[in-house]
Amino acid sequence: MSKRYTCAEIAERYNIKLSTVWDWIRKKKLSAIRIGKEYRITDEDLAKFEESRKTA
């Protein structure tokens, strides 16, 4: 089973604000699974997000 990250973990990983991660999810730039009131991001969704942001 793949690892699932919290929004706080993603924010820490990229050194950004938590609200930026929520914005990415709201704007459907980053896929997430909603569990209760929180979101979880899978390894696969994070890899797709990173791949879509490549410039070269």
Protein backbone atom coordinates (compact mmCIF):
# COMPACT_ATOMS: atom_id res chain seq x y z
CA MET A 1 0.00 0.00 0.00
CA SER A 2 1.29 3.44 -0.89
CA LYS A 3 2.07 6.07 1.70
CA ARG A 4 -0.47 8.80 2.26
CA TYR A 5 0.70 12.26 3.26
CA THR A 6 -1.19 14.91 5.19
CA CYS A 7 -1.43 18.45 3.87
CA ALA A 8 0.93 19.54 6.65
CA GLU A 9 3.53 16.99 5.49
CA ILE A 10 3.27 18.26 1.91
CA ALA A 11 3.64 21.87 3.07
CA GLU A 12 6.73 20.94 5.08
CA ARG A 13 8.20 18.94 2.18
CA TYR A 14 8.00 21.93 -0.20
CA ASN A 15 8.58 24.58 2.48
CA ILE A 16 5.28 26.33 1.70
CA LYS A 17 2.23 27.42 3.67
CA LEU A 18 -0.48 24.90 4.47
CA SER A 19 -3.02 27.18 2.78
CA THR A 20 -1.09 26.79 -0.50
CA VAL A 21 -1.56 23.00 -0.37
CA TRP A 22 -5.29 23.46 0.30
CA ASP A 23 -5.45 25.86 -2.64
CA TRP A 24 -3.80 23.31 -4.95
CA ILE A 25 -6.38 20.73 -3.87
CA ARG A 26 -9.30 23.15 -4.28
CA LYS A 27 -8.10 24.13 -7.77
CA LYS A 28 -7.64 20.42 -8.65
CA LYS A 29 -3.91 20.85 -9.30
CA LEU A 30 -3.16 18.21 -6.64
CA SER A 31 -5.40 15.16 -6.22
CA ALA A 32 -6.32 14.21 -2.68
CA ILE A 33 -8.56 11.84 -0.76
CA ARG A 34 -10.84 13.41 1.82
CA ILE A 35 -11.07 11.48 5.08
CA GLY A 36 -13.42 13.20 7.48
CA LYS A 37 -12.28 16.82 7.63
CA GLU A 38 -8.75 16.09 6.45
CA TYR A 39 -7.11 15.32 3.13
CA ARG A 40 -4.54 12.65 2.30
CA ILE A 41 -2.28 12.65 -0.74
CA THR A 42 -0.92 9.36 -2.10
CA ASP A 43 2.60 8.77 -3.42
CA GLU A 44 1.14 8.30 -6.90
CA ASP A 45 -0.81 11.58 -6.83
CA LEU A 46 2.25 13.43 -5.55
CA ALA A 47 4.40 11.97 -8.33
CA LYS A 48 1.81 13.03 -10.96
CA PHE A 49 1.72 16.52 -9.46
CA GLU A 50 5.50 16.83 -9.56
CA GLU A 51 5.68 15.48 -13.12
CA SER A 52 3.09 18.01 -14.31
CA ARG A 53 5.19 20.85 -12.86
CA LYS A 54 8.44 19.95 -14.65
CA THR A 55 9.84 22.72 -16.82
CA ALA A 56 12.41 20.76 -18.77
